[in-house]
């Protein structure tokens, strides 16, 4: 049996250190929470434990050159806040004259990265799926980037098995919908959102779509929203989220009603 020895800690002996670290953690949590949409259990504000302390994990940030990752790590071994962004590797000592001084240095570093263009098109693609993922209690995948198709995608499962399929074969036995963003391909030579379903009920094709969306039936069945159709759409991601949610609900209801 594995023996675990927990350290004996007296709060009164390290209260000042503990309270200071808590404020630092609250600060980077607030930064993360501002950049990530609401998740179940308020996880957009949560930090993760890593080998040397606590981390925000990667936060996608839009820049002029595309999406970059920002990560803030409270390194309790080296007593530093580690900041990673693009090719930058910055740090701030945790021992500061005041919390205000610490905050001032952090804000100065983040400002030097020019992290200010929030909620624009490409970064919101990730956040749109993150919002969709957090809006349903159904089982879902992570938001994955797939190199073989060069697309970003999220799977949502209905929780029901497909008739006639071996339930031990996970990939083919679970009802699911796939929400993604493709960078373009031979069939559609421009970036586009897509929504597919497995199994696909062709009754879905009768659903009336907004003017920026269309049904695709050549080679595969699904919804397509080309990015060049979104240029002049106001609050487009609100519209996309509503459309994706409607398709998710209607498709799973169709699957249930046709059995």
C-alpha atoms as a PDB file:
ATOM      1  CA  UNK A   1       0.000   0.000   0.000  1.00  0.00           C
ATOM      2  CA  UNK A   2       1.285   3.419  -0.950  1.00  0.00           C
ATOM      3  CA  UNK A   3       2.218   5.564   2.031  1.00  0.00           C
ATOM      4  CA  UNK A   4       1.282   9.232   1.803  1.00  0.00           C
ATOM      5  CA  UNK A   5       2.751  11.609   4.365  1.00  0.00           C
ATOM      6  CA  UNK A   6       0.963  14.926   4.545  1.00  0.00           C
ATOM      7  CA  UNK A   7       2.876  17.945   5.850  1.00  0.00           C
ATOM      8  CA  UNK A   8       1.798  19.362   9.193  1.00  0.00           C
ATOM      9  CA  UNK A   9       1.017  23.037   8.711  1.00  0.00           C
ATOM     10  CA  UNK A  10       0.054  25.624  11.301  1.00  0.00           C
ATOM     11  CA  UNK A  11      -1.962  28.373   9.636  1.00  0.00           C
ATOM     12  CA  UNK A  12      -0.805  31.031  12.102  1.00  0.00           C
ATOM     13  CA  UNK A  13       2.811  30.320  11.178  1.00  0.00           C
ATOM     14  CA  UNK A  14       2.374  30.972   7.471  1.00  0.00           C
ATOM     15  CA  UNK A  15      -0.811  33.039   7.243  1.00  0.00           C
ATOM     16  CA  UNK A  16       0.922  36.036   5.643  1.00  0.00           C
ATOM     17  CA  UNK A  17       2.538  33.892   2.935  1.00  0.00           C
ATOM     18  CA  UNK A  18      -0.656  31.940   2.345  1.00  0.00           C
ATOM     19  CA  UNK A  19      -2.815  35.072   2.096  1.00  0.00           C
ATOM     20  CA  UNK A  20      -0.367  36.711  -0.332  1.00  0.00           C
ATOM     21  CA  UNK A  21      -0.309  33.657  -2.598  1.00  0.00           C
ATOM     22  CA  UNK A  22      -4.099  33.579  -2.470  1.00  0.00           C
ATOM     23  CA  UNK A  23      -4.281  37.149  -3.745  1.00  0.00           C
ATOM     24  CA  UNK A  24      -1.834  36.343  -6.568  1.00  0.00           C
ATOM     25  CA  UNK A  25      -3.956  33.302  -7.452  1.00  0.00           C
ATOM     26  CA  UNK A  26      -7.128  35.399  -7.396  1.00  0.00           C
ATOM     27  CA  UNK A  27      -5.488  37.926  -9.709  1.00  0.00           C
ATOM     28  CA  UNK A  28      -4.526  35.456 -12.426  1.00  0.00           C
ATOM     29  CA  UNK A  29      -7.866  33.691 -11.957  1.00  0.00           C
ATOM     30  CA  UNK A  30      -9.648  36.979 -12.671  1.00  0.00           C
ATOM     31  CA  UNK A  31      -7.578  37.484 -15.835  1.00  0.00           C
ATOM     32  CA  UNK A  32      -8.440  33.977 -17.043  1.00  0.00           C
ATOM     33  CA  UNK A  33     -12.106  34.452 -16.172  1.00  0.00           C
ATOM     34  CA  UNK A  34     -12.292  37.613 -18.278  1.00  0.00           C
ATOM     35  CA  UNK A  35     -10.968  35.803 -21.347  1.00  0.00           C
ATOM     36  CA  UNK A  36     -12.905  32.535 -21.129  1.00  0.00           C
ATOM     37  CA  UNK A  37     -16.713  32.218 -21.402  1.00  0.00           C
ATOM     38  CA  UNK A  38     -18.716  30.857 -18.496  1.00  0.00           C
ATOM     39  CA  UNK A  39     -18.295  27.139 -17.875  1.00  0.00           C
ATOM     40  CA  UNK A  40     -20.222  24.792 -15.624  1.00  0.00           C
ATOM     41  CA  UNK A  41     -19.084  25.102 -12.001  1.00  0.00           C
ATOM     42  CA  UNK A  42     -17.433  28.441 -12.911  1.00  0.00           C
ATOM     43  CA  UNK A  43     -14.366  26.605 -14.181  1.00  0.00           C
ATOM     44  CA  UNK A  44     -13.306  29.559 -16.307  1.00  0.00           C
ATOM     45  CA  UNK A  45     -11.917  30.957 -13.046  1.00  0.00           C
ATOM     46  CA  UNK A  46     -10.248  27.750 -11.889  1.00  0.00           C
ATOM     47  CA  UNK A  47      -6.513  27.073 -11.796  1.00  0.00           C
ATOM     48  CA  UNK A  48      -4.848  23.705 -12.249  1.00  0.00           C
ATOM     49  CA  UNK A  49      -2.105  22.105 -10.180  1.00  0.00           C
ATOM     50  CA  UNK A  50       1.166  21.460 -12.009  1.00  0.00           C
ATOM     51  CA  UNK A  51       4.574  20.231 -10.902  1.00  0.00           C
ATOM     52  CA  UNK A  52       5.689  23.554  -9.384  1.00  0.00           C
ATOM     53  CA  UNK A  53       2.496  25.295  -8.342  1.00  0.00           C
ATOM     54  CA  UNK A  54      -0.680  26.537 -10.015  1.00  0.00           C
ATOM     55  CA  UNK A  55      -1.400  27.382 -13.652  1.00  0.00           C
ATOM     56  CA  UNK A  56      -4.164  28.948 -15.724  1.00  0.00           C
ATOM     57  CA  UNK A  57      -3.328  26.465 -18.513  1.00  0.00           C
ATOM     58  CA  UNK A  58      -3.278  27.892 -22.044  1.00  0.00           C
ATOM     59  CA  UNK A  59      -5.592  30.824 -22.789  1.00  0.00           C
ATOM     60  CA  UNK A  60      -6.092  31.528 -26.543  1.00  0.00           C
ATOM     61  CA  UNK A  61      -5.391  35.151 -27.436  1.00  0.00           C
ATOM     62  CA  UNK A  62      -5.978  36.736 -30.840  1.00  0.00           C
ATOM     63  CA  UNK A  63      -3.077  38.713 -32.300  1.00  0.00           C
ATOM     64  CA  UNK A  64      -2.414  40.260 -35.704  1.00  0.00           C
ATOM     65  CA  UNK A  65      -0.660  37.028 -36.659  1.00  0.00           C
ATOM     66  CA  UNK A  66      -3.407  34.648 -35.498  1.00  0.00           C
ATOM     67  CA  UNK A  67      -4.123  32.845 -32.253  1.00  0.00           C
ATOM     68  CA  UNK A  68      -1.416  32.646 -29.587  1.00  0.00           C
ATOM     69  CA  UNK A  69      -1.469  31.070 -26.140  1.00  0.00           C
ATOM     70  CA  UNK A  70      -1.098  32.972 -22.891  1.00  0.00           C
ATOM     71  CA  UNK A  71      -0.258  31.007 -19.753  1.00  0.00           C
ATOM     72  CA  UNK A  72       0.296  32.276 -16.211  1.00  0.00           C
ATOM     73  CA  UNK A  73       2.012  29.996 -13.698  1.00  0.00           C
ATOM     74  CA  UNK A  74       2.492  30.638 -10.001  1.00  0.00           C
ATOM     75  CA  UNK A  75       5.779  28.803  -9.438  1.00  0.00           C
ATOM     76  CA  UNK A  76       5.997  28.099  -5.711  1.00  0.00           C
ATOM     77  CA  UNK A  77       9.367  26.376  -6.050  1.00  0.00           C
ATOM     78  CA  UNK A  78      11.126  29.370  -7.596  1.00  0.00           C
ATOM     79  CA  UNK A  79       8.829  31.962  -5.919  1.00  0.00           C
ATOM     80  CA  UNK A  80       7.940  33.565  -9.249  1.00  0.00           C
ATOM     81  CA  UNK A  81       5.008  34.218 -11.513  1.00  0.00           C
ATOM     82  CA  UNK A  82       5.974  32.731 -14.890  1.00  0.00           C
ATOM     83  CA  UNK A  83       4.357  34.314 -17.957  1.00  0.00           C
ATOM     84  CA  UNK A  84       4.398  32.600 -21.353  1.00  0.00           C
ATOM     85  CA  UNK A  85       3.155  34.273 -24.535  1.00  0.00           C
ATOM     86  CA  UNK A  86       4.356  33.610 -28.095  1.00  0.00           C
ATOM     87  CA  UNK A  87       8.175  33.631 -27.854  1.00  0.00           C
ATOM     88  CA  UNK A  88       8.144  35.650 -24.630  1.00  0.00           C
ATOM     89  CA  UNK A  89       9.182  34.104 -21.322  1.00  0.00           C
ATOM     90  CA  UNK A  90       8.736  36.653 -18.553  1.00  0.00           C
ATOM     91  CA  UNK A  91       8.616  36.377 -14.792  1.00  0.00           C
ATOM     92  CA  UNK A  92       7.838  38.430 -11.703  1.00  0.00           C
ATOM     93  CA  UNK A  93       9.205  37.631  -8.268  1.00  0.00           C
ATOM     94  CA  UNK A  94       6.452  36.818  -5.793  1.00  0.00           C
ATOM     95  CA  UNK A  95       8.279  38.795  -3.128  1.00  0.00           C
ATOM     96  CA  UNK A  96       7.127  42.332  -3.886  1.00  0.00           C
ATOM     97  CA  UNK A  97       6.821  45.425  -1.730  1.00  0.00           C
ATOM     98  CA  UNK A  98       3.039  45.333  -2.206  1.00  0.00           C
ATOM     99  CA  UNK A  99       0.225  43.638  -4.119  1.00  0.00           C
ATOM    100  CA  UNK A 100      -0.211  46.891  -6.033  1.00  0.00           C
ATOM    101  CA  UNK A 101       3.410  46.763  -7.197  1.00  0.00           C
ATOM    102  CA  UNK A 102       3.011  43.129  -8.262  1.00  0.00           C
ATOM    103  CA  UNK A 103      -0.171  43.980 -10.199  1.00  0.00           C
ATOM    104  CA  UNK A 104       1.483  46.981 -11.840  1.00  0.00           C
ATOM    105  CA  UNK A 105       4.343  44.817 -13.134  1.00  0.00           C
ATOM    106  CA  UNK A 106       1.959  42.138 -14.418  1.00  0.00           C
ATOM    107  CA  UNK A 107      -0.220  44.673 -16.235  1.00  0.00           C
ATOM    108  CA  UNK A 108       2.885  46.274 -17.786  1.00  0.00           C
ATOM    109  CA  UNK A 109       4.053  42.916 -19.151  1.00  0.00           C
ATOM    110  CA  UNK A 110       0.641  41.977 -20.545  1.00  0.00           C
ATOM    111  CA  UNK A 111       0.293  45.426 -22.113  1.00  0.00           C
ATOM    112  CA  UNK A 112       3.649  44.993 -23.831  1.00  0.00           C
ATOM    113  CA  UNK A 113       2.214  41.897 -25.562  1.00  0.00           C
ATOM    114  CA  UNK A 114      -0.585  44.051 -27.015  1.00  0.00           C
ATOM    115  CA  UNK A 115      -3.205  41.642 -25.706  1.00  0.00           C
ATOM    116  CA  UNK A 116      -6.209  43.833 -26.389  1.00  0.00           C
ATOM    117  CA  UNK A 117      -8.091  42.565 -29.463  1.00  0.00           C
ATOM    118  CA  UNK A 118     -10.574  40.326 -27.661  1.00  0.00           C
ATOM    119  CA  UNK A 119     -13.683  38.568 -28.971  1.00  0.00           C
ATOM    120  CA  UNK A 120     -12.867  38.995 -32.640  1.00  0.00           C
ATOM    121  CA  UNK A 121     -13.579  36.338 -35.205  1.00  0.00           C
ATOM    122  CA  UNK A 122     -10.850  33.734 -34.954  1.00  0.00           C
ATOM    123  CA  UNK A 123     -10.425  33.649 -31.193  1.00  0.00           C
ATOM    124  CA  UNK A 124     -14.177  33.455 -30.734  1.00  0.00           C
ATOM    125  CA  UNK A 125     -14.277  30.311 -32.850  1.00  0.00           C
ATOM    126  CA  UNK A 126     -12.613  28.523 -29.949  1.00  0.00           C
ATOM    127  CA  UNK A 127     -14.758  30.324 -27.392  1.00  0.00           C
ATOM    128  CA  UNK A 128     -17.950  29.629 -29.350  1.00  0.00           C
ATOM    129  CA  UNK A 129     -17.305  25.903 -29.027  1.00  0.00           C
ATOM    130  CA  UNK A 130     -16.280  26.366 -25.401  1.00  0.00           C
ATOM    131  CA  UNK A 131     -19.587  28.110 -24.734  1.00  0.00           C
ATOM    132  CA  UNK A 132     -21.502  25.372 -26.571  1.00  0.00           C
ATOM    133  CA  UNK A 133     -19.616  22.725 -24.607  1.00  0.00           C
ATOM    134  CA  UNK A 134     -20.466  24.399 -21.322  1.00  0.00           C
ATOM    135  CA  UNK A 135     -24.137  24.898 -22.160  1.00  0.00           C
ATOM    136  CA  UNK A 136     -25.208  21.242 -22.222  1.00  0.00           C
ATOM    137  CA  UNK A 137     -25.152  18.480 -19.633  1.00  0.00           C
ATOM    138  CA  UNK A 138     -24.729  15.914 -22.395  1.00  0.00           C
ATOM    139  CA  UNK A 139     -21.453  14.065 -22.718  1.00  0.00           C
ATOM    140  CA  UNK A 140     -18.973  15.807 -25.018  1.00  0.00           C
ATOM    141  CA  UNK A 141     -15.401  15.650 -26.176  1.00  0.00           C
ATOM    142  CA  UNK A 142     -12.662  18.163 -25.603  1.00  0.00           C
ATOM    143  CA  UNK A 143     -12.339  20.918 -28.197  1.00  0.00           C
ATOM    144  CA  UNK A 144      -9.720  19.303 -30.390  1.00  0.00           C
ATOM    145  CA  UNK A 145      -7.548  20.485 -33.250  1.00  0.00           C
ATOM    146  CA  UNK A 146      -7.213  17.701 -35.839  1.00  0.00           C
ATOM    147  CA  UNK A 147      -4.094  17.977 -38.034  1.00  0.00           C
ATOM    148  CA  UNK A 148      -5.325  15.467 -40.637  1.00  0.00           C
ATOM    149  CA  UNK A 149      -8.248  17.740 -41.623  1.00  0.00           C
ATOM    150  CA  UNK A 150      -6.773  20.919 -40.169  1.00  0.00           C
ATOM    151  CA  UNK A 151      -9.944  21.715 -38.280  1.00  0.00           C
ATOM    152  CA  UNK A 152     -11.134  22.551 -34.777  1.00  0.00           C
ATOM    153  CA  UNK A 153     -14.021  20.398 -33.562  1.00  0.00           C
ATOM    154  CA  UNK A 154     -16.304  19.461 -30.675  1.00  0.00           C
ATOM    155  CA  UNK A 155     -18.343  16.247 -30.402  1.00  0.00           C
ATOM    156  CA  UNK A 156     -21.592  16.142 -28.410  1.00  0.00           C
ATOM    157  CA  UNK A 157     -23.188  12.769 -27.568  1.00  0.00           C
ATOM    158  CA  UNK A 158     -26.908  12.152 -27.001  1.00  0.00           C
ATOM    159  CA  UNK A 159     -26.212   9.366 -24.520  1.00  0.00           C
ATOM    160  CA  UNK A 160     -28.045   6.791 -26.649  1.00  0.00           C
ATOM    161  CA  UNK A 161     -26.752   3.769 -28.543  1.00  0.00           C
ATOM    162  CA  UNK A 162     -27.290   3.256 -32.277  1.00  0.00           C
ATOM    163  CA  UNK A 163     -29.402   0.249 -33.182  1.00  0.00           C
ATOM    164  CA  UNK A 164     -27.446  -2.578 -34.773  1.00  0.00           C
ATOM    165  CA  UNK A 165     -24.018  -1.327 -33.677  1.00  0.00           C
ATOM    166  CA  UNK A 166     -21.653  -3.107 -31.309  1.00  0.00           C
ATOM    167  CA  UNK A 167     -21.829  -1.012 -28.141  1.00  0.00           C
ATOM    168  CA  UNK A 168     -18.213  -1.855 -27.318  1.00  0.00           C
ATOM    169  CA  UNK A 169     -17.160   0.012 -30.459  1.00  0.00           C
ATOM    170  CA  UNK A 170     -17.300   3.516 -29.027  1.00  0.00           C
ATOM    171  CA  UNK A 171     -16.708   5.421 -32.272  1.00  0.00           C
ATOM    172  CA  UNK A 172     -19.619   3.848 -34.156  1.00  0.00           C
ATOM    173  CA  UNK A 173     -22.176   2.969 -31.482  1.00  0.00           C
ATOM    174  CA  UNK A 174     -22.897   6.391 -29.936  1.00  0.00           C
ATOM    175  CA  UNK A 175     -25.289   8.983 -31.353  1.00  0.00           C
ATOM    176  CA  UNK A 176     -23.354  12.185 -31.797  1.00  0.00           C
ATOM    177  CA  UNK A 177     -23.094  15.576 -33.471  1.00  0.00           C
ATOM    178  CA  UNK A 178     -19.868  17.194 -34.631  1.00  0.00           C
ATOM    179  CA  UNK A 179     -19.419  20.978 -34.554  1.00  0.00           C
ATOM    180  CA  UNK A 180     -16.311  22.250 -36.280  1.00  0.00           C
ATOM    181  CA  UNK A 181     -14.394  24.927 -38.115  1.00  0.00           C
ATOM    182  CA  UNK A 182     -12.510  23.825 -41.227  1.00  0.00           C
ATOM    183  CA  UNK A 183      -9.732  25.874 -42.778  1.00  0.00           C
ATOM    184  CA  UNK A 184     -11.101  24.922 -46.198  1.00  0.00           C
ATOM    185  CA  UNK A 185     -10.611  21.965 -48.512  1.00  0.00           C
ATOM    186  CA  UNK A 186     -10.985  20.865 -52.119  1.00  0.00           C
ATOM    187  CA  UNK A 187     -14.783  20.747 -51.804  1.00  0.00           C
ATOM    188  CA  UNK A 188     -15.176  24.121 -50.080  1.00  0.00           C
ATOM    189  CA  UNK A 189     -12.037  26.186 -50.788  1.00  0.00           C
ATOM    190  CA  UNK A 190     -12.458  28.661 -47.935  1.00  0.00           C
ATOM    191  CA  UNK A 191     -12.797  28.468 -44.136  1.00  0.00           C
ATOM    192  CA  UNK A 192     -16.213  27.285 -42.980  1.00  0.00           C
ATOM    193  CA  UNK A 193     -18.157  26.116 -39.955  1.00  0.00           C
ATOM    194  CA  UNK A 194     -19.775  22.714 -40.255  1.00  0.00           C
ATOM    195  CA  UNK A 195     -22.242  20.621 -38.281  1.00  0.00           C
ATOM    196  CA  UNK A 196     -22.680  16.918 -38.978  1.00  0.00           C
ATOM    197  CA  UNK A 197     -24.639  14.197 -37.210  1.00  0.00           C
ATOM    198  CA  UNK A 198     -24.153  10.452 -36.827  1.00  0.00           C
ATOM    199  CA  UNK A 199     -26.491   8.922 -37.727  1.00  0.00           C
ATOM    200  CA  UNK A 200     -27.782  11.701 -39.988  1.00  0.00           C
ATOM    201  CA  UNK A 201     -31.568  12.067 -40.176  1.00  0.00           C
ATOM    202  CA  UNK A 202     -32.453  13.695 -43.498  1.00  0.00           C
ATOM    203  CA  UNK A 203     -35.448  15.307 -41.818  1.00  0.00           C
ATOM    204  CA  UNK A 204     -32.902  17.844 -40.617  1.00  0.00           C
ATOM    205  CA  UNK A 205     -32.603  19.100 -44.201  1.00  0.00           C
ATOM    206  CA  UNK A 206     -36.138  20.472 -43.912  1.00  0.00           C
ATOM    207  CA  UNK A 207     -35.183  22.851 -41.114  1.00  0.00           C
ATOM    208  CA  UNK A 208     -35.241  26.439 -42.330  1.00  0.00           C
ATOM    209  CA  UNK A 209     -31.828  28.046 -41.950  1.00  0.00           C
ATOM    210  CA  UNK A 210     -30.787  31.689 -41.533  1.00  0.00           C
ATOM    211  CA  UNK A 211     -29.458  33.356 -44.671  1.00  0.00           C
ATOM    212  CA  UNK A 212     -25.805  32.877 -43.697  1.00  0.00           C
ATOM    213  CA  UNK A 213     -26.126  29.057 -43.470  1.00  0.00           C
ATOM    214  CA  UNK A 214     -26.793  26.303 -46.005  1.00  0.00           C
ATOM    215  CA  UNK A 215     -27.167  22.536 -46.180  1.00  0.00           C
ATOM    216  CA  UNK A 216     -24.344  20.565 -47.776  1.00  0.00           C
ATOM    217  CA  UNK A 217     -25.226  17.254 -49.463  1.00  0.00           C
ATOM    218  CA  UNK A 218     -22.345  16.600 -51.869  1.00  0.00           C
ATOM    219  CA  UNK A 219     -20.118  13.856 -50.451  1.00  0.00           C
ATOM    220  CA  UNK A 220     -21.423  14.373 -46.909  1.00  0.00           C
ATOM    221  CA  UNK A 221     -24.558  15.706 -45.257  1.00  0.00           C
ATOM    222  CA  UNK A 222     -24.423  18.609 -42.882  1.00  0.00           C
ATOM    223  CA  UNK A 223     -24.695  22.303 -42.223  1.00  0.00           C
ATOM    224  CA  UNK A 224     -22.164  24.727 -43.678  1.00  0.00           C
ATOM    225  CA  UNK A 225     -21.544  28.362 -42.754  1.00  0.00           C
ATOM    226  CA  UNK A 226     -18.834  29.940 -44.894  1.00  0.00           C
ATOM    227  CA  UNK A 227     -16.801  32.593 -43.152  1.00  0.00           C
ATOM    228  CA  UNK A 228     -17.151  35.028 -46.045  1.00  0.00           C
ATOM    229  CA  UNK A 229     -20.909  34.967 -45.430  1.00  0.00           C
ATOM    230  CA  UNK A 230     -20.373  36.315 -41.919  1.00  0.00           C
ATOM    231  CA  UNK A 231     -18.458  39.496 -42.689  1.00  0.00           C
ATOM    232  CA  UNK A 232     -21.418  41.855 -42.357  1.00  0.00           C
ATOM    233  CA  UNK A 233     -23.391  39.933 -39.751  1.00  0.00           C
ATOM    234  CA  UNK A 234     -23.894  41.714 -36.437  1.00  0.00           C
ATOM    235  CA  UNK A 235     -23.565  39.584 -33.291  1.00  0.00           C
ATOM    236  CA  UNK A 236     -22.820  36.634 -35.543  1.00  0.00           C
ATOM    237  CA  UNK A 237     -21.575  34.376 -32.777  1.00  0.00           C
ATOM    238  CA  UNK A 238     -24.805  34.805 -30.851  1.00  0.00           C
ATOM    239  CA  UNK A 239     -26.660  33.755 -34.002  1.00  0.00           C
ATOM    240  CA  UNK A 240     -24.326  30.803 -34.572  1.00  0.00           C
ATOM    241  CA  UNK A 241     -24.656  29.662 -30.968  1.00  0.00           C
ATOM    242  CA  UNK A 242     -28.465  29.787 -31.246  1.00  0.00           C
ATOM    243  CA  UNK A 243     -28.382  27.870 -34.525  1.00  0.00           C
ATOM    244  CA  UNK A 244     -26.006  25.206 -33.208  1.00  0.00           C
ATOM    245  CA  UNK A 245     -28.092  24.773 -30.056  1.00  0.00           C
ATOM    246  CA  UNK A 246     -31.289  24.457 -32.107  1.00  0.00           C
ATOM    247  CA  UNK A 247     -29.737  21.811 -34.366  1.00  0.00           C
ATOM    248  CA  UNK A 248     -28.401  19.927 -31.374  1.00  0.00           C
ATOM    249  CA  UNK A 249     -31.819  19.779 -29.720  1.00  0.00           C
ATOM    250  CA  UNK A 250     -33.779  19.053 -32.887  1.00  0.00           C
ATOM    251  CA  UNK A 251     -31.421  16.342 -34.124  1.00  0.00           C
ATOM    252  CA  UNK A 252     -31.386  14.383 -30.893  1.00  0.00           C
ATOM    253  CA  UNK A 253     -35.177  14.718 -30.637  1.00  0.00           C
ATOM    254  CA  UNK A 254     -35.514  13.429 -34.211  1.00  0.00           C
ATOM    255  CA  UNK A 255     -33.331  10.434 -33.431  1.00  0.00           C
ATOM    256  CA  UNK A 256     -35.504   9.590 -30.431  1.00  0.00           C
ATOM    257  CA  UNK A 257     -38.819  10.132 -32.268  1.00  0.00           C
ATOM    258  CA  UNK A 258     -37.916   7.926 -35.261  1.00  0.00           C
ATOM    259  CA  UNK A 259     -37.042   4.881 -33.155  1.00  0.00           C
END
